[in-house]
Protein backbone atom coordinates (compact mmCIF):
# COMPACT_ATOMS: atom_id res chain seq x y z
CA MET A 1 240.61 -97.47 204.51
CA TYR A 2 241.42 -101.32 205.94
CA ASP A 3 242.83 -101.82 209.94
CA ILE A 4 244.85 -105.11 208.16
CA VAL A 5 245.86 -106.88 204.84
CA SER A 6 247.33 -109.73 205.06
CA LEU A 7 249.37 -111.68 202.06
CA GLY A 8 250.03 -115.36 202.09
CA GLU A 9 248.91 -118.88 202.38
CA LEU A 10 244.99 -119.96 202.79
CA LEU A 11 244.29 -123.15 202.89
CA VAL A 12 242.41 -126.55 204.29
CA ASP A 13 243.20 -127.94 208.13
CA PHE A 14 242.11 -131.88 207.75
CA THR A 15 242.51 -132.12 212.35
CA GLN A 16 241.94 -135.27 213.86
CA SER A 17 239.13 -135.91 214.93
CA GLY A 18 238.33 -138.98 216.99
CA VAL A 19 237.83 -142.67 214.60
CA SER A 20 236.03 -144.65 212.51
CA PRO A 21 233.97 -147.52 214.21
CA ALA A 22 236.94 -149.24 212.24
CA GLY A 23 239.15 -147.77 214.03
CA MET A 24 240.29 -145.37 211.48
CA ARG A 25 241.52 -142.16 212.41
CA LEU A 26 238.33 -139.38 211.15
CA PHE A 27 239.29 -135.48 209.95
CA GLU A 28 237.64 -132.77 210.00
CA GLN A 29 237.64 -130.50 207.57
CA ASN A 30 238.41 -127.05 209.25
CA ALA A 31 239.72 -123.49 207.20
CA GLY A 32 243.14 -122.13 207.88
CA GLY A 33 246.09 -120.96 207.56
CA ALA A 34 248.87 -118.33 209.94
CA VAL A 35 247.39 -114.97 208.19
CA THR A 36 244.15 -116.17 207.05
CA ASN A 37 243.26 -117.57 210.89
CA LEU A 38 245.12 -113.88 211.86
CA LEU A 39 242.77 -112.15 210.00
CA CYS A 40 239.64 -113.69 210.50
CA ALA A 41 240.94 -113.24 214.53
CA ALA A 42 241.16 -109.92 213.91
CA ALA A 43 237.34 -109.57 211.51
CA GLN A 44 235.89 -111.52 215.21
CA CYS A 45 236.76 -108.27 216.72
CA GLY A 46 235.46 -105.67 214.37
CA ALA A 47 238.53 -104.63 212.48
CA LYS A 48 238.24 -104.32 208.73
CA THR A 49 240.40 -107.26 206.94
CA GLY A 50 241.58 -108.31 203.57
CA PHE A 51 243.33 -110.87 201.94
CA ILE A 52 245.39 -111.46 199.04
CA GLY A 53 246.06 -115.36 197.70
CA LYS A 54 245.12 -117.87 195.94
CA VAL A 55 243.33 -120.62 195.89
CA GLY A 56 242.68 -123.75 193.42
CA ALA A 57 239.06 -123.45 191.71
CA ASP A 58 238.11 -126.46 193.09
CA MET A 59 235.50 -127.21 195.97
CA HIS A 60 238.35 -126.92 198.41
CA GLY A 61 238.60 -123.10 197.46
CA ALA A 62 234.97 -122.79 197.54
CA PHE A 63 234.52 -124.14 201.05
CA LEU A 64 237.67 -121.92 202.07
CA LYS A 65 236.43 -119.13 200.21
CA ARG A 66 232.84 -118.92 202.44
CA SER A 67 234.60 -119.33 205.65
CA MET A 68 236.82 -116.25 204.57
CA GLN A 69 233.50 -115.03 203.38
CA ASP A 70 231.49 -116.07 207.25
CA ALA A 71 234.12 -114.25 208.46
CA GLY A 72 233.80 -111.11 207.47
CA VAL A 73 237.28 -111.21 205.74
CA ASP A 74 237.52 -108.69 202.09
CA LEU A 75 238.00 -111.42 199.08
CA LYS A 76 238.83 -108.71 196.48
CA GLY A 77 242.45 -109.50 196.54
CA LEU A 78 241.81 -113.54 196.51
CA VAL A 79 242.39 -115.87 192.86
CA GLU A 80 240.76 -118.76 191.94
CA SER A 81 243.17 -120.31 189.57
CA GLU A 82 242.21 -123.37 187.68
CA ASP A 83 246.04 -124.65 186.80
CA VAL A 84 246.41 -125.74 190.96
CA PHE A 85 245.40 -127.82 193.64
CA THR A 86 244.15 -125.49 196.77
CA THR A 87 246.51 -126.56 199.78
CA LEU A 88 245.76 -128.60 201.87
CA ALA A 89 247.32 -129.83 205.93
CA PHE A 90 246.65 -132.98 207.84
CA VAL A 91 246.23 -132.00 211.60
CA SER A 92 247.36 -134.93 213.81
CA LEU A 93 246.62 -134.28 217.46
CA GLN A 94 248.53 -135.59 220.94
CA SER A 95 246.25 -135.09 223.63
CA SER A 96 247.91 -132.37 225.12
CA GLY A 97 246.79 -130.84 222.65
CA GLU A 98 249.78 -129.93 220.62
CA ARG A 99 250.07 -131.01 216.59
CA GLU A 100 252.27 -132.64 213.95
CA PHE A 101 251.39 -131.72 209.95
CA SER A 102 251.55 -133.29 206.62
CA PHE A 103 251.01 -130.92 203.59
CA ALA A 104 249.47 -131.96 200.43
CA ARG A 105 251.56 -128.63 199.02
CA LYS A 106 253.86 -129.94 195.83
CA PRO A 107 252.64 -127.42 194.38
CA GLY A 108 250.11 -125.76 196.34
CA ALA A 109 247.87 -122.78 194.58
CA ASP A 110 248.70 -120.72 197.96
CA THR A 111 252.29 -120.76 196.24
CA GLN A 112 251.87 -119.77 192.90
CA LEU A 113 250.93 -117.00 193.54
CA ARG A 114 252.22 -113.98 191.14
CA PRO A 115 252.88 -110.75 191.00
CA ASP A 116 251.17 -108.76 188.82
CA GLU A 117 248.11 -110.76 190.61
CA VAL A 118 248.83 -108.84 193.64
CA ASN A 119 246.07 -106.45 194.29
CA ARG A 120 246.83 -103.21 194.67
CA ASP A 121 244.40 -101.20 195.94
CA LEU A 122 244.61 -103.03 198.98
CA LEU A 123 248.06 -102.23 199.27
CA GLU A 124 247.21 -98.68 198.73
CA HIS A 125 244.73 -98.60 201.85
CA THR A 126 245.62 -100.22 204.58
CA ARG A 127 247.25 -99.29 208.12
CA ILE A 128 248.64 -102.89 208.81
CA PHE A 129 250.27 -105.40 206.26
CA HIS A 130 250.48 -108.66 207.24
CA THR A 131 252.87 -111.32 206.32
CA GLY A 132 254.34 -114.70 207.28
CA SER A 133 257.14 -116.35 206.11
CA LEU A 134 255.09 -119.82 204.28
CA SER A 135 254.43 -117.31 201.23
CA LEU A 136 258.95 -117.42 200.80
CA MET A 137 259.12 -121.29 200.28
CA GLN A 138 259.16 -121.02 196.31
CA GLU A 139 257.93 -118.95 193.18
CA PRO A 140 256.43 -116.90 192.18
CA ALA A 141 254.77 -116.59 195.63
CA ARG A 142 258.23 -115.27 197.20
CA SER A 143 258.58 -112.44 194.77
CA ALA A 144 254.52 -111.48 195.14
CA THR A 145 255.86 -111.21 198.63
CA TYR A 146 258.33 -109.20 197.64
CA GLU A 147 256.00 -106.82 195.84
CA ALA A 148 253.64 -106.66 198.22
CA ILE A 149 255.74 -105.41 200.99
CA ASP A 150 257.10 -102.81 198.65
CA LEU A 151 253.82 -101.77 197.47
CA ALA A 152 252.77 -101.61 201.36
CA LYS A 153 255.73 -99.30 202.65
CA HIS A 154 255.81 -97.30 199.71
CA SER A 155 251.69 -96.25 200.53
CA GLY A 156 252.55 -95.65 204.95
CA ALA A 157 251.07 -98.82 205.69
CA ILE A 158 252.43 -100.83 209.12
CA LEU A 159 253.84 -104.18 208.35
CA SER A 160 253.35 -107.11 210.91
CA TYR A 161 255.57 -109.95 210.40
CA ASP A 162 255.19 -113.86 211.92
CA PRO A 163 257.72 -115.87 210.67
CA ASN A 164 256.46 -119.90 210.93
CA TYR A 165 258.41 -122.04 210.30
CA ARG A 166 257.32 -125.80 209.36
CA ALA A 167 260.49 -127.65 208.94
CA SER A 168 258.50 -130.51 206.83
CA LEU A 169 258.15 -127.33 204.33
CA TRP A 170 261.57 -126.45 203.42
CA SER A 171 264.30 -127.96 201.80
CA SER A 172 266.38 -127.62 204.29
CA GLU A 173 266.46 -124.93 208.11
CA GLU A 174 269.83 -122.71 206.04
CA GLU A 175 267.19 -122.34 203.22
CA ALA A 176 264.49 -121.68 206.13
CA VAL A 177 266.82 -119.67 207.69
CA ARG A 178 267.88 -117.73 204.93
CA PHE A 179 264.23 -116.42 203.52
CA MET A 180 262.88 -116.48 207.27
CA ARG A 181 265.70 -113.82 208.40
CA SER A 182 264.98 -111.68 205.15
CA LEU A 183 261.76 -109.87 206.07
CA ILE A 184 263.14 -108.63 209.66
CA VAL A 185 264.80 -105.79 208.26
CA THR A 186 260.86 -104.56 206.80
CA ALA A 187 259.19 -105.13 209.88
CA ASP A 188 257.70 -103.01 212.36
CA ILE A 189 256.30 -105.64 214.62
CA LEU A 190 256.91 -108.90 214.88
CA LYS A 191 256.13 -112.13 216.68
CA LEU A 192 257.72 -115.14 217.17
CA SER A 193 257.53 -118.36 219.06
CA GLU A 194 260.15 -119.71 222.05
CA GLU A 195 260.89 -121.90 218.99
CA GLU A 196 261.41 -119.99 216.83
CA LEU A 197 264.05 -117.39 218.27
CA PRO A 198 266.61 -119.59 217.11
CA PHE A 199 266.30 -119.34 213.18
CA LEU A 200 265.21 -115.61 213.14
CA THR A 201 268.33 -114.29 215.64
CA GLY A 202 270.41 -117.29 216.35
CA GLU A 203 269.90 -116.84 219.96
CA THR A 204 268.62 -119.32 222.79
CA ASP A 205 268.11 -116.49 225.63
CA PRO A 206 264.37 -114.46 224.76
CA GLN A 207 265.74 -111.79 225.76
CA LYS A 208 268.99 -111.31 223.56
CA ALA A 209 266.71 -112.28 220.81
CA ALA A 210 264.92 -109.92 221.11
CA ASN A 211 266.86 -107.34 221.41
CA GLU A 212 268.77 -108.24 218.54
CA LEU A 213 265.66 -108.41 216.60
CA ILE A 214 265.30 -104.57 217.55
CA ASP A 215 268.82 -103.43 216.65
CA GLN A 216 267.77 -104.02 212.66
CA GLY A 217 264.53 -102.24 213.11
CA VAL A 218 262.15 -103.88 214.44
CA LYS A 219 259.55 -101.52 216.61
CA VAL A 220 258.29 -103.86 218.73
CA VAL A 221 258.80 -107.39 219.18
CA ALA A 222 256.26 -110.03 220.99
CA VAL A 223 257.52 -113.85 221.79
CA THR A 224 254.58 -115.88 222.32
CA PHE A 225 255.80 -119.00 225.32
CA GLY A 226 252.30 -121.02 224.78
CA ALA A 227 250.45 -121.77 227.84
CA LYS A 228 253.10 -119.03 230.00
CA GLY A 229 252.68 -116.41 227.84
CA ALA A 230 253.98 -113.75 225.75
CA SER A 231 256.61 -110.93 226.30
CA VAL A 232 257.21 -107.79 224.97
CA VAL A 233 260.13 -106.06 223.83
CA MET A 234 260.85 -102.23 222.89
CA ARG A 235 264.00 -100.40 222.72
CA SER A 236 262.76 -99.16 226.11
CA GLY A 237 262.81 -102.62 227.74
CA SER A 238 260.72 -105.68 228.32
CA GLN A 239 256.86 -106.75 230.01
CA HIS A 240 256.47 -110.17 230.76
CA ILE A 241 252.82 -111.01 230.56
CA PRO A 242 252.06 -114.46 231.85
CA GLY A 243 248.32 -116.58 230.05
CA PHE A 244 245.16 -117.85 231.07
CA HIS A 245 244.68 -120.72 232.21
CA VAL A 246 242.22 -122.97 230.08
CA ASN A 247 242.06 -126.54 228.91
CA ALA A 248 243.45 -126.61 225.81
CA VAL A 249 241.70 -128.89 223.54
CA ASP A 250 243.33 -127.84 220.14
CA THR A 251 246.51 -125.55 219.61
CA THR A 252 245.74 -125.09 215.71
CA GLY A 253 246.03 -121.10 214.67
CA ALA A 254 246.51 -119.60 218.75
CA GLY A 255 249.95 -117.66 217.96
CA ASP A 256 247.70 -116.32 214.84
CA ALA A 257 244.76 -115.38 217.15
CA PHE A 258 247.39 -114.02 219.62
CA PHE A 259 249.05 -111.57 216.84
CA GLY A 260 245.19 -111.01 215.23
CA GLY A 261 244.15 -110.03 218.62
CA PHE A 262 247.45 -107.58 219.35
CA LEU A 263 247.35 -105.98 216.80
CA TYR A 264 243.72 -105.32 216.76
CA ARG A 265 244.64 -104.34 220.12
CA PHE A 266 247.18 -101.38 219.06
CA LEU A 267 245.05 -100.47 216.13
CA ALA A 268 242.49 -99.81 219.01
CA ILE A 269 244.79 -97.80 221.14
CA GLY A 270 245.05 -95.71 218.02
CA LYS A 271 248.80 -94.49 218.74
CA THR A 272 251.30 -93.79 216.48
CA LEU A 273 254.15 -96.60 216.52
CA LYS A 274 256.52 -93.89 217.51
CA ASN A 275 254.16 -93.21 220.35
CA ILE A 276 253.01 -96.12 222.04
CA THR A 277 254.62 -97.11 224.95
CA LEU A 278 256.17 -100.89 226.74
CA ASP A 279 253.00 -100.35 228.73
CA ASP A 280 250.56 -100.56 225.95
CA ALA A 281 252.57 -103.01 224.01
CA ALA A 282 252.01 -105.44 227.27
CA ASP A 283 248.30 -104.12 227.15
CA CYS A 284 247.90 -105.51 223.56
CA ALA A 285 250.18 -108.64 224.14
CA ARG A 286 247.43 -109.17 227.17
CA PHE A 287 244.73 -109.35 224.12
CA GLY A 288 246.44 -111.19 221.99
CA ASN A 289 246.86 -114.23 225.12
CA ALA A 290 243.02 -113.81 226.31
CA THR A 291 241.92 -114.32 222.29
CA ALA A 292 244.21 -117.26 222.29
CA SER A 293 243.59 -118.86 225.33
CA LEU A 294 239.67 -119.01 223.88
CA CYS A 295 241.46 -120.64 220.87
CA VAL A 296 242.85 -123.42 222.31
CA GLU A 297 239.73 -123.64 223.60
CA ARG A 298 237.67 -124.84 220.11
CA ARG A 299 238.81 -127.06 217.56
CA GLY A 300 240.06 -126.10 214.13
CA GLY A 301 242.03 -122.17 213.03
CA ILE A 302 239.83 -120.19 211.80
CA PRO A 303 236.11 -121.91 213.17
CA ALA A 304 237.55 -121.18 216.74
CA MET A 305 238.11 -117.56 216.80
CA PRO A 306 237.08 -115.25 219.36
CA LYS A 307 234.30 -112.60 219.11
CA LEU A 308 235.08 -109.27 220.71
CA ALA A 309 232.77 -109.77 223.89
CA ASP A 310 234.25 -113.05 224.94
CA ILE A 311 237.40 -111.99 225.47
CA LEU A 312 236.94 -108.43 226.84
CA SER A 313 234.49 -111.29 229.41
CA ARG A 314 237.33 -113.55 229.67
CA LEU A 315 239.69 -110.51 230.53
CA GLU A 316 237.79 -109.55 232.93
CA GLN A 317 238.74 -112.80 234.89
C-alpha cells in the first residue's frame, strides 16, 4: 500500500543562477513540478509514494527519472514517450526570492498522458491520491486526470487537491477558473494560496472562501500565506498557524513542500477524515510550515525538500 500517489507534471525547472562573465543569465537544471515536489517532500519524511505521468524519452526525461528515483519515489506509473519532448520551465528569481515563469510546453510530455496509460494498480493501492490543476489544461491529460480520480475514489483513497494557477499556461482566466473549480467537489483535503482564493471561490476573504469550499464538500482546507504561515478551516472552525522566520533564497516548491509535509503528518496522526479534529489539522499545518521554511532556504524544487530529522529540529525552535 502506498501512502501518497500523484498524477500530473514532472518537468525541469531551469532556475536563474547568476550571470556569466559576459553578463548573460545562467540557469541551473533542477527537477520539479508541483505534484512531484509534493511527493518528494513526503518521501523525504519516509512516506511511500508513487507517481503517474509522462516525460519525453530525451536527456531531460532521463534526468527527471534519476532525480525522482534518488528522492525515493516509485516510478512504475511513469511513461517515457518518443513522440513528445519533456516539459521545461525557466524560472527567473527576484531579489525577494519570488519567481517569474516561462514554460516550454507546446505541447509538453506531461500534457500528453492518455487515460489508457494511467497505472491502475497505484490508484487502487494508495491511502491518498493527490492531483493539481496543471494536468487539466489540455487533452489527453485532462481525461486521464478525471479517470484517475474516479479510480482512486472508487478504491477508497482520500483525495487531495492543490489548484496551482499559472496564468501563462491557460488560454484565458475563464477557462482556468472553470477547470480549476471542477475538482473541488472531488476533494477531501484542499490546499490553496491566498492569491488563488478568488479563482476557486470568487471570494478574496480567506475565511469566507474556505467556508464556501467546506460547503462544497471539502473536509479540510489549508490556505497558505507565504512567510505569514497558514490557516486551516474545517466545519468545526478555523485556526491560523504562524510561519517560521527564515531568509528565503528560492520560494520554488514552498507550497508543495508545505502540502507534502501536511499530508505526511495527517497520515502519521493515524485518524480518519471523520475523526480528525481542528487541532489535528493545525498540527499538520505547523509541520507543513516547518517543511516549507526549510525548502525556501535552498535552491530548486525537488532538491530543496528537507529530511524528516531537519523538520523535527525546526519544529523545536
